[in-house]
């Protein structure tokens, strides 16, 4: 087993169960007429999103996963962690943009910071002495 541990944040598994039930519910309608068969794609897409979407964090950075893609954000690019008024976790990047962290809530932020290898309340950047100061 490796020394790096990855912390995974995922949406509630009830979403996947609801997608299966929606698929089974749409099956009789979709098989009644051939042109209604694309209706089955909606619950399939929701099920795949529920299984795949989320956030992974480790010492190297944060990986944000969506339905069709993923984005890796190194910790060096993250300036600030925070939450919106609804409690959804967000990061502010060095270039000023913000990114939402799927499946991470405001209460999960201490765990997210711990996955980075840092502690809350510490500054990871080394402080340089000011000229003329002690």
N, C-alpha and C. Protein backbone atom coordinates (compact mmCIF):
# COMPACT_ATOMS: atom_id res chain seq x y z
N UNK A 1 0.84 -1.17 0.00
CA UNK A 1 0.00 0.00 0.00
C UNK A 1 0.88 1.23 0.00
N UNK A 2 0.53 2.23 -0.84
CA UNK A 2 1.35 3.43 -0.97
C UNK A 2 1.19 4.35 0.22
N UNK A 3 2.10 5.33 0.30
CA UNK A 3 2.06 6.26 1.41
C UNK A 3 1.09 7.41 1.16
N UNK A 4 0.65 7.59 -0.08
CA UNK A 4 -0.29 8.67 -0.36
C UNK A 4 -1.71 8.15 -0.22
N UNK A 5 -2.49 8.87 0.54
CA UNK A 5 -3.89 8.48 0.70
C UNK A 5 -4.75 9.52 0.00
N UNK A 6 -5.77 9.06 -0.65
CA UNK A 6 -6.66 9.92 -1.40
C UNK A 6 -7.99 9.98 -0.68
N UNK A 7 -8.47 11.18 -0.47
CA UNK A 7 -9.77 11.40 0.16
C UNK A 7 -10.78 11.62 -0.95
N UNK A 8 -11.86 10.83 -0.92
CA UNK A 8 -12.87 10.91 -1.97
C UNK A 8 -14.17 11.48 -1.43
N UNK A 9 -14.71 12.44 -2.15
CA UNK A 9 -16.02 13.02 -1.83
C UNK A 9 -16.95 12.67 -2.98
N UNK A 10 -18.07 12.05 -2.68
CA UNK A 10 -19.04 11.66 -3.70
C UNK A 10 -20.44 12.08 -3.27
N UNK A 11 -21.32 12.20 -4.25
CA UNK A 11 -22.72 12.52 -3.96
C UNK A 11 -23.39 11.31 -3.30
N UNK A 12 -24.54 11.56 -2.72
CA UNK A 12 -25.29 10.51 -2.05
C UNK A 12 -25.66 9.39 -3.03
N UNK A 13 -25.53 8.15 -2.59
CA UNK A 13 -25.81 7.00 -3.45
C UNK A 13 -27.29 6.85 -3.78
N UNK A 14 -28.13 7.56 -3.07
CA UNK A 14 -29.56 7.53 -3.37
C UNK A 14 -29.85 8.08 -4.77
N UNK A 15 -28.98 8.95 -5.28
CA UNK A 15 -29.16 9.48 -6.63
C UNK A 15 -29.05 8.35 -7.66
N UNK A 16 -28.09 7.46 -7.46
CA UNK A 16 -27.95 6.31 -8.36
C UNK A 16 -29.15 5.37 -8.30
N UNK A 17 -29.67 5.17 -7.10
CA UNK A 17 -30.86 4.33 -6.95
C UNK A 17 -32.05 4.98 -7.65
N UNK A 18 -32.19 6.29 -7.50
CA UNK A 18 -33.28 7.00 -8.18
C UNK A 18 -33.14 6.90 -9.69
N UNK A 19 -31.91 6.92 -10.20
CA UNK A 19 -31.70 6.81 -11.65
C UNK A 19 -32.11 5.42 -12.14
N UNK A 20 -31.82 4.38 -11.38
CA UNK A 20 -32.23 3.03 -11.76
C UNK A 20 -33.75 2.93 -11.77
N UNK A 21 -34.40 3.48 -10.75
CA UNK A 21 -35.87 3.45 -10.69
C UNK A 21 -36.48 4.26 -11.83
N UNK A 22 -35.89 5.39 -12.16
CA UNK A 22 -36.39 6.20 -13.28
C UNK A 22 -36.22 5.45 -14.60
N UNK A 23 -35.11 4.74 -14.75
CA UNK A 23 -34.90 3.95 -15.96
C UNK A 23 -35.97 2.87 -16.08
N UNK A 24 -36.22 2.16 -14.98
CA UNK A 24 -37.24 1.10 -15.01
C UNK A 24 -38.64 1.68 -15.25
N UNK A 25 -38.90 2.87 -14.70
CA UNK A 25 -40.19 3.51 -14.92
C UNK A 25 -40.38 4.00 -16.34
N UNK A 26 -39.29 4.44 -17.00
CA UNK A 26 -39.38 4.94 -18.37
C UNK A 26 -39.34 3.82 -19.40
N UNK A 27 -38.97 2.64 -18.99
CA UNK A 27 -38.83 1.52 -19.93
C UNK A 27 -40.12 1.19 -20.68
N UNK A 28 -41.27 1.05 -20.01
CA UNK A 28 -42.51 0.76 -20.77
C UNK A 28 -42.87 1.87 -21.76
N UNK A 29 -42.67 3.12 -21.38
CA UNK A 29 -42.98 4.23 -22.28
C UNK A 29 -42.02 4.24 -23.47
N UNK A 30 -40.75 4.02 -23.20
CA UNK A 30 -39.74 4.07 -24.26
C UNK A 30 -39.87 2.92 -25.25
N UNK A 31 -40.39 1.80 -24.81
CA UNK A 31 -40.54 0.65 -25.72
C UNK A 31 -41.88 0.66 -26.44
N UNK A 32 -42.79 1.57 -26.08
CA UNK A 32 -44.09 1.64 -26.74
C UNK A 32 -43.94 2.16 -28.17
N UNK A 33 -43.08 3.13 -28.36
CA UNK A 33 -42.82 3.70 -29.69
C UNK A 33 -41.32 3.90 -29.84
N UNK A 34 -40.80 3.65 -31.03
CA UNK A 34 -39.37 3.73 -31.26
C UNK A 34 -38.83 5.13 -31.03
N UNK A 35 -39.60 6.17 -31.34
CA UNK A 35 -39.11 7.54 -31.20
C UNK A 35 -39.07 8.00 -29.75
N UNK A 36 -39.60 7.22 -28.82
CA UNK A 36 -39.52 7.56 -27.40
C UNK A 36 -38.31 6.91 -26.70
N UNK A 37 -37.58 6.09 -27.42
CA UNK A 37 -36.45 5.39 -26.81
C UNK A 37 -35.34 6.32 -26.28
N UNK A 38 -35.12 7.52 -26.86
CA UNK A 38 -34.10 8.41 -26.27
C UNK A 38 -34.43 8.85 -24.85
N UNK A 39 -35.66 8.68 -24.40
CA UNK A 39 -36.00 9.00 -23.01
C UNK A 39 -35.16 8.21 -22.02
N UNK A 40 -34.70 7.05 -22.42
CA UNK A 40 -33.89 6.21 -21.53
C UNK A 40 -32.50 6.81 -21.28
N UNK A 41 -32.07 7.71 -22.14
CA UNK A 41 -30.75 8.31 -21.97
C UNK A 41 -30.68 9.22 -20.75
N UNK A 42 -31.79 9.83 -20.38
CA UNK A 42 -31.79 10.76 -19.24
C UNK A 42 -31.45 10.03 -17.94
N UNK A 43 -32.17 8.97 -17.56
CA UNK A 43 -31.78 8.29 -16.31
C UNK A 43 -30.41 7.63 -16.39
N UNK A 44 -29.99 7.20 -17.56
CA UNK A 44 -28.64 6.62 -17.70
C UNK A 44 -27.59 7.70 -17.44
N UNK A 45 -27.79 8.90 -18.00
CA UNK A 45 -26.83 9.99 -17.78
C UNK A 45 -26.80 10.39 -16.31
N UNK A 46 -27.94 10.44 -15.65
CA UNK A 46 -27.98 10.79 -14.22
C UNK A 46 -27.26 9.72 -13.41
N UNK A 47 -27.46 8.45 -13.75
CA UNK A 47 -26.78 7.35 -13.03
C UNK A 47 -25.28 7.40 -13.19
N UNK A 48 -24.80 7.66 -14.40
CA UNK A 48 -23.36 7.75 -14.64
C UNK A 48 -22.79 8.95 -13.90
N UNK A 49 -23.50 10.08 -13.92
CA UNK A 49 -23.05 11.26 -13.20
C UNK A 49 -22.96 10.98 -11.70
N UNK A 50 -23.96 10.31 -11.14
CA UNK A 50 -23.96 10.00 -9.70
C UNK A 50 -22.80 9.08 -9.35
N UNK A 51 -22.45 8.17 -10.23
CA UNK A 51 -21.36 7.24 -9.97
C UNK A 51 -20.00 7.91 -10.12
N UNK A 52 -19.89 8.85 -11.05
CA UNK A 52 -18.59 9.41 -11.41
C UNK A 52 -18.26 10.75 -10.76
N UNK A 53 -19.21 11.65 -10.67
CA UNK A 53 -18.94 13.03 -10.25
C UNK A 53 -18.52 13.09 -8.78
N UNK A 54 -17.60 13.99 -8.50
CA UNK A 54 -17.14 14.18 -7.14
C UNK A 54 -15.78 14.86 -7.12
N UNK A 55 -15.17 14.82 -5.96
CA UNK A 55 -13.86 15.46 -5.77
C UNK A 55 -12.93 14.49 -5.07
N UNK A 56 -11.71 14.38 -5.56
CA UNK A 56 -10.67 13.59 -4.93
C UNK A 56 -9.57 14.55 -4.49
N UNK A 57 -9.04 14.34 -3.29
CA UNK A 57 -7.98 15.21 -2.79
C UNK A 57 -6.86 14.36 -2.19
N UNK A 58 -5.63 14.76 -2.46
CA UNK A 58 -4.46 14.14 -1.85
C UNK A 58 -3.38 15.21 -1.71
N UNK A 59 -2.16 14.81 -1.42
CA UNK A 59 -1.08 15.77 -1.18
C UNK A 59 -0.68 16.53 -2.44
N UNK A 60 -0.97 16.00 -3.61
CA UNK A 60 -0.57 16.67 -4.85
C UNK A 60 -1.57 17.72 -5.30
N UNK A 61 -2.85 17.54 -4.98
CA UNK A 61 -3.85 18.51 -5.41
C UNK A 61 -5.26 17.97 -5.30
N UNK A 62 -6.15 18.63 -6.01
CA UNK A 62 -7.57 18.30 -6.00
C UNK A 62 -7.96 17.91 -7.41
N UNK A 63 -8.65 16.79 -7.54
CA UNK A 63 -9.16 16.36 -8.84
C UNK A 63 -10.68 16.46 -8.82
N UNK A 64 -11.22 17.30 -9.71
CA UNK A 64 -12.65 17.53 -9.81
C UNK A 64 -13.15 16.68 -10.97
N UNK A 65 -14.09 15.78 -10.67
CA UNK A 65 -14.62 14.87 -11.69
C UNK A 65 -16.06 15.23 -12.01
N UNK A 66 -16.39 15.26 -13.30
CA UNK A 66 -17.73 15.55 -13.77
C UNK A 66 -18.24 14.38 -14.60
N UNK A 67 -19.37 14.55 -15.26
CA UNK A 67 -19.94 13.47 -16.06
C UNK A 67 -18.99 13.01 -17.16
N UNK A 68 -18.40 13.95 -17.89
CA UNK A 68 -17.59 13.57 -19.04
C UNK A 68 -16.11 13.90 -18.92
N UNK A 69 -15.71 14.63 -17.93
CA UNK A 69 -14.30 15.01 -17.85
C UNK A 69 -13.84 15.18 -16.42
N UNK A 70 -12.58 15.55 -16.31
CA UNK A 70 -12.01 15.80 -15.00
C UNK A 70 -10.96 16.89 -15.11
N UNK A 71 -10.69 17.53 -13.99
CA UNK A 71 -9.70 18.60 -13.94
C UNK A 71 -8.89 18.44 -12.67
N UNK A 72 -7.58 18.50 -12.80
CA UNK A 72 -6.69 18.42 -11.65
C UNK A 72 -6.17 19.81 -11.33
N UNK A 73 -6.31 20.21 -10.07
CA UNK A 73 -5.86 21.51 -9.62
C UNK A 73 -4.79 21.28 -8.55
N UNK A 74 -3.53 21.63 -8.81
CA UNK A 74 -2.50 21.46 -7.79
C UNK A 74 -2.73 22.44 -6.64
N UNK A 75 -2.30 22.05 -5.45
CA UNK A 75 -2.47 22.91 -4.27
C UNK A 75 -1.79 24.25 -4.46
N UNK A 76 -0.72 24.30 -5.24
CA UNK A 76 -0.01 25.56 -5.45
C UNK A 76 -0.86 26.58 -6.21
N UNK A 77 -1.88 26.13 -6.94
CA UNK A 77 -2.76 27.04 -7.68
C UNK A 77 -3.94 27.51 -6.85
N UNK A 78 -4.19 26.88 -5.70
CA UNK A 78 -5.33 27.23 -4.86
C UNK A 78 -4.90 28.29 -3.86
N UNK A 79 -5.60 29.42 -3.90
CA UNK A 79 -5.30 30.54 -3.02
C UNK A 79 -6.20 30.50 -1.79
N UNK A 80 -7.47 30.12 -1.99
CA UNK A 80 -8.43 30.22 -0.90
C UNK A 80 -9.48 29.11 -1.02
N UNK A 81 -9.84 28.54 0.13
CA UNK A 81 -10.95 27.60 0.21
C UNK A 81 -12.09 28.30 0.91
N UNK A 82 -13.30 28.06 0.45
CA UNK A 82 -14.45 28.69 1.07
C UNK A 82 -15.72 27.98 0.67
N UNK A 83 -16.84 28.56 1.07
CA UNK A 83 -18.14 27.99 0.75
C UNK A 83 -19.10 29.10 0.36
N UNK A 84 -20.03 28.78 -0.51
CA UNK A 84 -21.06 29.75 -0.89
C UNK A 84 -22.16 29.74 0.18
N UNK A 85 -23.15 30.60 0.07
CA UNK A 85 -24.21 30.64 1.09
C UNK A 85 -24.99 29.34 1.27
N UNK A 86 -25.01 28.49 0.24
CA UNK A 86 -25.71 27.21 0.35
C UNK A 86 -24.84 26.12 1.00
N UNK A 87 -23.57 26.41 1.25
CA UNK A 87 -22.69 25.44 1.88
C UNK A 87 -21.86 24.62 0.92
N UNK A 88 -21.90 24.92 -0.38
CA UNK A 88 -21.12 24.21 -1.39
C UNK A 88 -19.69 24.74 -1.37
N UNK A 89 -18.71 23.85 -1.27
CA UNK A 89 -17.31 24.26 -1.20
C UNK A 89 -16.83 24.77 -2.56
N UNK A 90 -16.00 25.80 -2.48
CA UNK A 90 -15.42 26.41 -3.68
C UNK A 90 -13.96 26.73 -3.41
N UNK A 91 -13.18 26.84 -4.48
CA UNK A 91 -11.79 27.27 -4.36
C UNK A 91 -11.59 28.49 -5.25
N UNK A 92 -10.75 29.41 -4.78
CA UNK A 92 -10.33 30.54 -5.60
C UNK A 92 -8.92 30.24 -6.05
N UNK A 93 -8.70 30.36 -7.35
CA UNK A 93 -7.41 30.02 -7.94
C UNK A 93 -6.53 31.25 -8.04
N UNK A 94 -5.26 31.01 -8.29
CA UNK A 94 -4.27 32.08 -8.38
C UNK A 94 -4.62 33.11 -9.46
N UNK A 95 -5.25 32.68 -10.54
CA UNK A 95 -5.60 33.60 -11.62
C UNK A 95 -6.91 34.34 -11.39
N UNK A 96 -7.53 34.15 -10.21
CA UNK A 96 -8.74 34.88 -9.85
C UNK A 96 -10.03 34.12 -10.13
N UNK A 97 -9.96 33.04 -10.90
CA UNK A 97 -11.16 32.26 -11.18
C UNK A 97 -11.56 31.45 -9.96
N UNK A 98 -12.81 31.03 -9.92
CA UNK A 98 -13.28 30.14 -8.86
C UNK A 98 -13.73 28.83 -9.48
N UNK A 99 -13.66 27.78 -8.69
CA UNK A 99 -14.10 26.46 -9.13
C UNK A 99 -14.91 25.82 -8.00
N UNK A 100 -16.02 25.23 -8.38
CA UNK A 100 -16.86 24.52 -7.41
C UNK A 100 -16.31 23.12 -7.23
N UNK A 101 -16.30 22.64 -6.00
CA UNK A 101 -15.86 21.29 -5.70
C UNK A 101 -17.11 20.42 -5.50
N UNK A 102 -17.45 19.58 -6.48
CA UNK A 102 -18.65 18.78 -6.36
C UNK A 102 -18.58 17.83 -5.17
N UNK A 103 -19.70 17.69 -4.48
CA UNK A 103 -19.88 16.77 -3.36
C UNK A 103 -19.10 17.17 -2.11
N UNK A 104 -18.47 18.34 -2.10
CA UNK A 104 -17.76 18.83 -0.92
C UNK A 104 -18.59 19.96 -0.32
N UNK A 105 -18.86 19.86 0.96
CA UNK A 105 -19.65 20.87 1.66
C UNK A 105 -18.75 21.65 2.62
N UNK A 106 -19.28 22.71 3.15
CA UNK A 106 -18.51 23.57 4.06
C UNK A 106 -17.99 22.79 5.26
N UNK A 107 -18.76 21.83 5.74
CA UNK A 107 -18.32 21.04 6.89
C UNK A 107 -17.19 20.08 6.54
N UNK A 108 -16.95 19.84 5.26
CA UNK A 108 -15.88 18.94 4.82
C UNK A 108 -14.56 19.65 4.61
N UNK A 109 -14.53 20.98 4.70
CA UNK A 109 -13.30 21.72 4.41
C UNK A 109 -12.12 21.34 5.31
N UNK A 110 -12.31 21.11 6.62
CA UNK A 110 -11.15 20.67 7.42
C UNK A 110 -10.56 19.34 6.94
N UNK A 111 -11.40 18.41 6.51
CA UNK A 111 -10.91 17.14 5.97
C UNK A 111 -10.15 17.37 4.66
N UNK A 112 -10.64 18.29 3.85
CA UNK A 112 -9.98 18.60 2.58
C UNK A 112 -8.60 19.18 2.83
N UNK A 113 -8.49 20.08 3.79
CA UNK A 113 -7.19 20.67 4.13
C UNK A 113 -6.26 19.60 4.69
N UNK A 114 -6.79 18.71 5.51
CA UNK A 114 -5.96 17.63 6.08
C UNK A 114 -5.42 16.72 4.98
N UNK A 115 -6.19 16.51 3.91
CA UNK A 115 -5.72 15.67 2.80
C UNK A 115 -4.55 16.31 2.08
N UNK A 116 -4.42 17.64 2.19
CA UNK A 116 -3.32 18.33 1.53
C UNK A 116 -2.01 18.16 2.28
N UNK A 117 -2.09 17.72 3.54
CA UNK A 117 -0.89 17.57 4.34
C UNK A 117 -0.61 18.79 5.19
N UNK A 118 -1.47 19.80 5.13
CA UNK A 118 -1.33 21.01 5.93
C UNK A 118 -2.33 20.98 7.07
N UNK A 119 -2.13 21.88 8.01
CA UNK A 119 -3.08 22.02 9.10
C UNK A 119 -3.78 23.36 8.97
N UNK A 120 -5.00 23.44 9.49
CA UNK A 120 -5.71 24.71 9.48
C UNK A 120 -4.99 25.72 10.36
N UNK A 121 -4.98 26.95 9.94
CA UNK A 121 -4.37 28.01 10.73
C UNK A 121 -2.89 28.17 10.52
N UNK A 122 -2.29 27.42 9.59
CA UNK A 122 -0.87 27.58 9.30
C UNK A 122 -0.70 28.08 7.88
N UNK A 123 0.34 28.83 7.67
CA UNK A 123 0.64 29.34 6.35
C UNK A 123 1.70 28.45 5.75
N UNK A 124 1.43 27.89 4.57
CA UNK A 124 2.38 26.95 3.96
C UNK A 124 3.56 27.66 3.33
N UNK A 125 3.41 28.95 3.02
CA UNK A 125 4.51 29.69 2.42
C UNK A 125 5.51 30.12 3.50
N UNK A 126 6.77 30.07 3.17
CA UNK A 126 7.78 30.48 4.14
C UNK A 126 7.80 32.00 4.19
N UNK A 127 7.91 32.52 5.40
CA UNK A 127 7.95 33.96 5.57
C UNK A 127 9.39 34.43 5.48
N UNK A 128 9.57 35.47 4.66
CA UNK A 128 10.91 36.05 4.52
C UNK A 128 11.00 37.27 5.42
N UNK A 129 12.14 37.48 6.05
CA UNK A 129 12.27 38.65 6.93
C UNK A 129 12.21 39.94 6.13
N UNK A 130 11.59 40.94 6.72
CA UNK A 130 11.51 42.23 6.07
C UNK A 130 12.85 42.94 6.15
N UNK A 131 13.19 43.73 5.11
CA UNK A 131 14.46 44.45 5.16
C UNK A 131 14.48 45.45 6.30
N UNK A 132 15.54 45.47 7.05
CA UNK A 132 15.70 46.39 8.16
C UNK A 132 14.96 45.96 9.42
N UNK A 133 14.23 44.83 9.37
CA UNK A 133 13.50 44.36 10.53
C UNK A 133 14.20 43.16 11.14
N UNK A 134 13.75 42.78 12.32
CA UNK A 134 14.35 41.63 12.98
C UNK A 134 13.49 40.42 12.86
